[in-house]
């Protein structure tokens, strides 16, 4: 298949979050993020601006995030701000985006 160079693309990509829980263990949580693919130059600019700037630009949507009652949480500016305020979530989004743009290890 031929490679098609696109000026702008977005891709749904799994995000895995490991949250600390009682007893010094971690629980794994997952959701699908809609990531904006950005160029190397823009990526470097955003890295210099900080994690907040990077995640604000790359995270375009999500699926699979629920509230404590099990209701789906819609993607909007307010909910995005709440989600990204969680350090563990922000770190996981950045790590998974890194796998997406660098061709990280694929699982069968």
N, C-alpha and C. Protein backbone atom coordinates (compact mmCIF):
# COMPACT_ATOMS: atom_id res chain seq x y z
N UNK A 1 0.84 -1.17 0.00
CA UNK A 1 0.00 0.00 0.00
C UNK A 1 0.89 1.24 0.00
N UNK A 2 0.55 2.20 -0.80
CA UNK A 2 1.32 3.43 -0.91
C UNK A 2 1.07 4.31 0.32
N UNK A 3 2.09 5.03 0.72
CA UNK A 3 1.96 5.99 1.82
C UNK A 3 1.33 7.26 1.29
N UNK A 4 0.31 7.76 1.99
CA UNK A 4 -0.36 8.99 1.61
C UNK A 4 -0.01 10.06 2.64
N UNK A 5 0.67 11.09 2.20
CA UNK A 5 1.05 12.18 3.09
C UNK A 5 -0.13 13.12 3.27
N UNK A 6 -0.59 13.24 4.50
CA UNK A 6 -1.72 14.10 4.81
C UNK A 6 -1.24 15.28 5.63
N UNK A 7 -1.85 16.43 5.41
CA UNK A 7 -1.49 17.61 6.18
C UNK A 7 -1.98 17.50 7.62
N UNK A 8 -3.09 16.86 7.82
CA UNK A 8 -3.65 16.73 9.16
C UNK A 8 -4.36 15.39 9.25
N UNK A 9 -4.11 14.69 10.32
CA UNK A 9 -4.75 13.39 10.50
C UNK A 9 -5.08 13.21 11.98
N UNK A 10 -6.07 12.40 12.22
CA UNK A 10 -6.39 12.02 13.60
C UNK A 10 -6.61 10.52 13.64
N UNK A 11 -6.26 9.93 14.78
CA UNK A 11 -6.32 8.48 14.93
C UNK A 11 -6.82 8.15 16.32
N UNK A 12 -7.69 7.13 16.40
CA UNK A 12 -8.11 6.62 17.69
C UNK A 12 -7.04 5.66 18.19
N UNK A 13 -6.61 5.87 19.44
CA UNK A 13 -5.50 5.10 19.99
C UNK A 13 -5.80 4.74 21.44
N UNK A 14 -5.49 3.51 21.87
CA UNK A 14 -5.77 3.12 23.26
C UNK A 14 -4.82 3.82 24.24
N UNK A 15 -5.39 4.24 25.36
CA UNK A 15 -4.61 4.82 26.45
C UNK A 15 -4.77 3.90 27.65
N UNK A 16 -3.66 3.51 28.24
CA UNK A 16 -3.65 2.65 29.42
C UNK A 16 -3.14 3.48 30.59
N UNK A 17 -3.93 3.50 31.66
CA UNK A 17 -3.58 4.26 32.86
C UNK A 17 -3.40 3.28 34.01
N UNK A 18 -2.29 3.41 34.72
CA UNK A 18 -2.05 2.59 35.90
C UNK A 18 -2.18 3.49 37.12
N UNK A 19 -3.30 3.32 37.85
CA UNK A 19 -3.58 4.13 39.02
C UNK A 19 -3.25 3.33 40.27
N UNK A 20 -2.60 4.00 41.22
CA UNK A 20 -2.28 3.35 42.49
C UNK A 20 -3.55 3.01 43.25
N UNK A 21 -3.51 1.88 43.95
CA UNK A 21 -4.65 1.46 44.76
C UNK A 21 -4.13 0.92 46.09
N UNK A 22 -5.05 0.56 46.96
CA UNK A 22 -4.69 0.07 48.29
C UNK A 22 -3.71 -1.09 48.21
N UNK A 23 -2.85 -1.17 49.20
CA UNK A 23 -1.90 -2.28 49.30
C UNK A 23 -0.68 -2.12 48.42
N UNK A 24 -0.44 -0.91 47.90
CA UNK A 24 0.75 -0.68 47.07
C UNK A 24 0.67 -1.33 45.70
N UNK A 25 -0.54 -1.55 45.22
CA UNK A 25 -0.73 -2.17 43.92
C UNK A 25 -1.26 -1.13 42.94
N UNK A 26 -1.30 -1.52 41.68
CA UNK A 26 -1.81 -0.65 40.64
C UNK A 26 -2.98 -1.33 39.94
N UNK A 27 -3.98 -0.52 39.59
CA UNK A 27 -5.10 -1.00 38.78
C UNK A 27 -4.95 -0.38 37.41
N UNK A 28 -5.19 -1.20 36.40
CA UNK A 28 -5.08 -0.75 35.02
C UNK A 28 -6.45 -0.34 34.50
N UNK A 29 -6.50 0.85 33.89
CA UNK A 29 -7.72 1.39 33.30
C UNK A 29 -7.41 1.75 31.85
N UNK A 30 -8.43 1.66 31.00
CA UNK A 30 -8.21 1.93 29.58
C UNK A 30 -9.34 2.78 29.02
N UNK A 31 -8.99 3.59 28.04
CA UNK A 31 -9.97 4.28 27.23
C UNK A 31 -9.34 4.54 25.87
N UNK A 32 -10.15 4.91 24.91
CA UNK A 32 -9.65 5.24 23.58
C UNK A 32 -9.61 6.75 23.42
N UNK A 33 -8.47 7.26 23.01
CA UNK A 33 -8.30 8.69 22.77
C UNK A 33 -8.30 8.94 21.27
N UNK A 34 -8.85 10.08 20.88
CA UNK A 34 -8.72 10.54 19.51
C UNK A 34 -7.57 11.53 19.51
N UNK A 35 -6.46 11.13 18.90
CA UNK A 35 -5.25 11.94 18.88
C UNK A 35 -5.09 12.67 17.55
N UNK A 36 -4.65 13.89 17.64
CA UNK A 36 -4.28 14.67 16.47
C UNK A 36 -2.81 14.39 16.17
N UNK A 37 -2.54 14.03 14.94
CA UNK A 37 -1.16 13.82 14.53
C UNK A 37 -0.57 15.18 14.16
N UNK A 38 0.54 15.51 14.80
CA UNK A 38 1.19 16.79 14.54
C UNK A 38 2.60 16.55 14.03
N UNK A 39 3.14 17.55 13.37
CA UNK A 39 4.49 17.44 12.84
C UNK A 39 5.56 17.55 13.92
N UNK A 40 6.75 17.14 13.56
CA UNK A 40 7.88 17.14 14.48
C UNK A 40 8.17 18.54 15.02
N UNK A 41 8.13 19.53 14.14
CA UNK A 41 8.41 20.91 14.56
C UNK A 41 7.39 21.39 15.59
N UNK A 42 6.11 21.15 15.31
CA UNK A 42 5.06 21.57 16.26
C UNK A 42 5.16 20.79 17.56
N UNK A 43 5.48 19.51 17.48
CA UNK A 43 5.65 18.68 18.67
C UNK A 43 6.73 19.28 19.57
N UNK A 44 7.86 19.63 18.98
CA UNK A 44 8.95 20.20 19.77
C UNK A 44 8.56 21.53 20.40
N UNK A 45 7.80 22.34 19.68
CA UNK A 45 7.31 23.61 20.24
C UNK A 45 6.44 23.35 21.46
N UNK A 46 5.54 22.38 21.33
CA UNK A 46 4.63 22.07 22.44
C UNK A 46 5.35 21.47 23.63
N UNK A 47 6.37 20.66 23.37
CA UNK A 47 7.17 20.10 24.46
C UNK A 47 7.81 21.24 25.25
N UNK A 48 8.31 22.24 24.55
CA UNK A 48 8.92 23.39 25.21
C UNK A 48 7.90 24.18 26.03
N UNK A 49 6.64 24.18 25.58
CA UNK A 49 5.58 24.90 26.29
C UNK A 49 5.09 24.14 27.51
N UNK A 50 5.28 22.83 27.54
CA UNK A 50 4.87 22.03 28.71
C UNK A 50 3.80 21.01 28.39
N UNK A 51 3.60 20.11 29.35
CA UNK A 51 2.64 19.01 29.19
C UNK A 51 1.23 19.48 28.91
N UNK A 52 0.81 20.56 29.58
CA UNK A 52 -0.55 21.05 29.39
C UNK A 52 -0.78 21.49 27.95
N UNK A 53 0.18 22.20 27.39
CA UNK A 53 0.05 22.67 26.00
C UNK A 53 -0.01 21.49 25.04
N UNK A 54 0.84 20.50 25.27
CA UNK A 54 0.87 19.32 24.40
C UNK A 54 -0.45 18.57 24.45
N UNK A 55 -0.91 18.24 25.65
CA UNK A 55 -2.14 17.45 25.75
C UNK A 55 -3.36 18.24 25.29
N UNK A 56 -3.35 19.54 25.51
CA UNK A 56 -4.46 20.37 25.04
C UNK A 56 -4.60 20.28 23.52
N UNK A 57 -3.48 20.24 22.82
CA UNK A 57 -3.53 20.22 21.36
C UNK A 57 -3.77 18.83 20.78
N UNK A 58 -3.19 17.80 21.37
CA UNK A 58 -3.25 16.47 20.75
C UNK A 58 -4.52 15.70 21.08
N UNK A 59 -5.15 15.98 22.22
CA UNK A 59 -6.34 15.21 22.62
C UNK A 59 -7.59 15.85 22.04
N UNK A 60 -8.16 15.19 21.02
CA UNK A 60 -9.33 15.72 20.31
C UNK A 60 -10.64 15.09 20.75
N UNK A 61 -10.58 13.99 21.47
CA UNK A 61 -11.79 13.31 21.89
C UNK A 61 -11.45 12.03 22.62
N UNK A 62 -12.50 11.32 23.08
CA UNK A 62 -12.29 10.04 23.76
C UNK A 62 -13.55 9.20 23.72
N UNK A 63 -13.36 7.94 24.05
CA UNK A 63 -14.45 6.99 24.19
C UNK A 63 -14.05 6.04 25.31
N UNK A 64 -15.00 5.73 26.19
CA UNK A 64 -14.71 4.75 27.23
C UNK A 64 -14.36 5.35 28.58
N UNK A 65 -14.68 6.62 28.79
CA UNK A 65 -14.47 7.24 30.10
C UNK A 65 -15.85 7.38 30.74
N UNK A 66 -15.96 6.88 31.97
CA UNK A 66 -17.25 6.89 32.67
C UNK A 66 -17.11 7.58 34.02
N UNK A 67 -18.26 8.03 34.55
CA UNK A 67 -18.26 8.60 35.90
C UNK A 67 -18.47 7.47 36.91
N UNK A 68 -18.56 7.83 38.18
CA UNK A 68 -18.67 6.82 39.24
C UNK A 68 -19.97 6.02 39.18
N UNK A 69 -20.99 6.54 38.51
CA UNK A 69 -22.26 5.82 38.35
C UNK A 69 -22.28 4.97 37.08
N UNK A 70 -21.20 5.01 36.31
CA UNK A 70 -21.13 4.20 35.10
C UNK A 70 -21.63 4.89 33.85
N UNK A 71 -21.93 6.19 33.95
CA UNK A 71 -22.39 6.95 32.78
C UNK A 71 -21.20 7.45 31.98
N UNK A 72 -21.34 7.41 30.67
CA UNK A 72 -20.28 7.91 29.80
C UNK A 72 -20.10 9.41 30.01
N UNK A 73 -18.85 9.82 30.04
CA UNK A 73 -18.52 11.24 30.18
C UNK A 73 -18.23 11.77 28.79
N UNK A 74 -19.00 12.78 28.39
CA UNK A 74 -18.82 13.33 27.05
C UNK A 74 -17.53 14.16 26.99
N UNK A 75 -16.98 14.22 25.79
CA UNK A 75 -15.80 15.04 25.57
C UNK A 75 -16.24 16.48 25.37
N UNK A 76 -15.76 17.35 26.24
CA UNK A 76 -15.95 18.78 26.08
C UNK A 76 -14.81 19.48 26.82
N UNK A 77 -14.74 20.77 26.68
CA UNK A 77 -13.63 21.53 27.23
C UNK A 77 -13.53 21.37 28.76
N UNK A 78 -14.67 21.44 29.44
CA UNK A 78 -14.66 21.32 30.90
C UNK A 78 -14.20 19.94 31.36
N UNK A 79 -14.75 18.88 30.74
CA UNK A 79 -14.37 17.52 31.12
C UNK A 79 -12.92 17.23 30.76
N UNK A 80 -12.47 17.78 29.66
CA UNK A 80 -11.07 17.61 29.26
C UNK A 80 -10.15 18.23 30.31
N UNK A 81 -10.50 19.41 30.80
CA UNK A 81 -9.70 20.08 31.82
C UNK A 81 -9.65 19.24 33.10
N UNK A 82 -10.79 18.68 33.50
CA UNK A 82 -10.85 17.83 34.69
C UNK A 82 -9.98 16.59 34.49
N UNK A 83 -10.09 15.95 33.34
CA UNK A 83 -9.31 14.75 33.06
C UNK A 83 -7.81 15.04 33.10
N UNK A 84 -7.41 16.12 32.46
CA UNK A 84 -5.98 16.43 32.37
C UNK A 84 -5.41 16.97 33.67
N UNK A 85 -6.25 17.29 34.65
CA UNK A 85 -5.77 17.73 35.95
C UNK A 85 -5.20 16.55 36.75
N UNK A 86 -5.55 15.34 36.35
CA UNK A 86 -5.04 14.13 37.00
C UNK A 86 -3.66 13.83 36.42
N UNK A 87 -2.63 13.96 37.24
CA UNK A 87 -1.26 13.78 36.78
C UNK A 87 -1.03 12.43 36.12
N UNK A 88 -1.56 11.36 36.73
CA UNK A 88 -1.37 10.01 36.18
C UNK A 88 -1.99 9.88 34.80
N UNK A 89 -3.16 10.47 34.62
CA UNK A 89 -3.84 10.41 33.33
C UNK A 89 -3.05 11.19 32.29
N UNK A 90 -2.62 12.40 32.64
CA UNK A 90 -1.86 13.22 31.69
C UNK A 90 -0.58 12.49 31.27
N UNK A 91 0.11 11.93 32.24
CA UNK A 91 1.35 11.18 31.95
C UNK A 91 1.06 10.01 31.00
N UNK A 92 -0.02 9.29 31.25
CA UNK A 92 -0.37 8.14 30.41
C UNK A 92 -0.73 8.58 28.99
N UNK A 93 -1.45 9.68 28.86
CA UNK A 93 -1.81 10.19 27.53
C UNK A 93 -0.55 10.54 26.75
N UNK A 94 0.39 11.20 27.39
CA UNK A 94 1.64 11.58 26.72
C UNK A 94 2.43 10.35 26.32
N UNK A 95 2.52 9.36 27.21
CA UNK A 95 3.26 8.13 26.90
C UNK A 95 2.62 7.39 25.73
N UNK A 96 1.30 7.26 25.74
CA UNK A 96 0.62 6.55 24.66
C UNK A 96 0.69 7.32 23.34
N UNK A 97 0.65 8.64 23.41
CA UNK A 97 0.83 9.45 22.20
C UNK A 97 2.23 9.21 21.64
N UNK A 98 3.21 9.13 22.52
CA UNK A 98 4.58 8.85 22.09
C UNK A 98 4.68 7.52 21.35
N UNK A 99 3.97 6.51 21.84
CA UNK A 99 3.95 5.22 21.14
C UNK A 99 3.31 5.36 19.77
N UNK A 100 2.24 6.15 19.71
CA UNK A 100 1.52 6.38 18.46
C UNK A 100 2.43 7.04 17.42
N UNK A 101 3.15 8.07 17.79
CA UNK A 101 3.94 8.81 16.79
C UNK A 101 5.28 8.17 16.48
N UNK A 102 5.76 7.30 17.36
CA UNK A 102 7.07 6.69 17.12
C UNK A 102 6.98 5.24 16.63
N UNK A 103 5.76 4.73 16.48
CA UNK A 103 5.63 3.34 16.04
C UNK A 103 5.97 2.38 17.15
N UNK A 104 5.50 2.69 18.38
CA UNK A 104 5.76 1.88 19.56
C UNK A 104 5.42 0.43 19.36
N UNK A 105 5.74 -0.37 20.32
CA UNK A 105 5.55 -1.81 20.26
C UNK A 105 4.08 -2.15 20.09
N UNK A 106 3.78 -2.98 19.10
CA UNK A 106 2.43 -3.44 18.87
C UNK A 106 2.22 -4.75 19.61
N UNK A 107 1.01 -4.95 20.13
CA UNK A 107 0.64 -6.21 20.77
C UNK A 107 -0.27 -6.98 19.83
N UNK A 108 -0.11 -8.28 19.82
CA UNK A 108 -0.96 -9.12 18.96
C UNK A 108 -2.29 -9.35 19.62
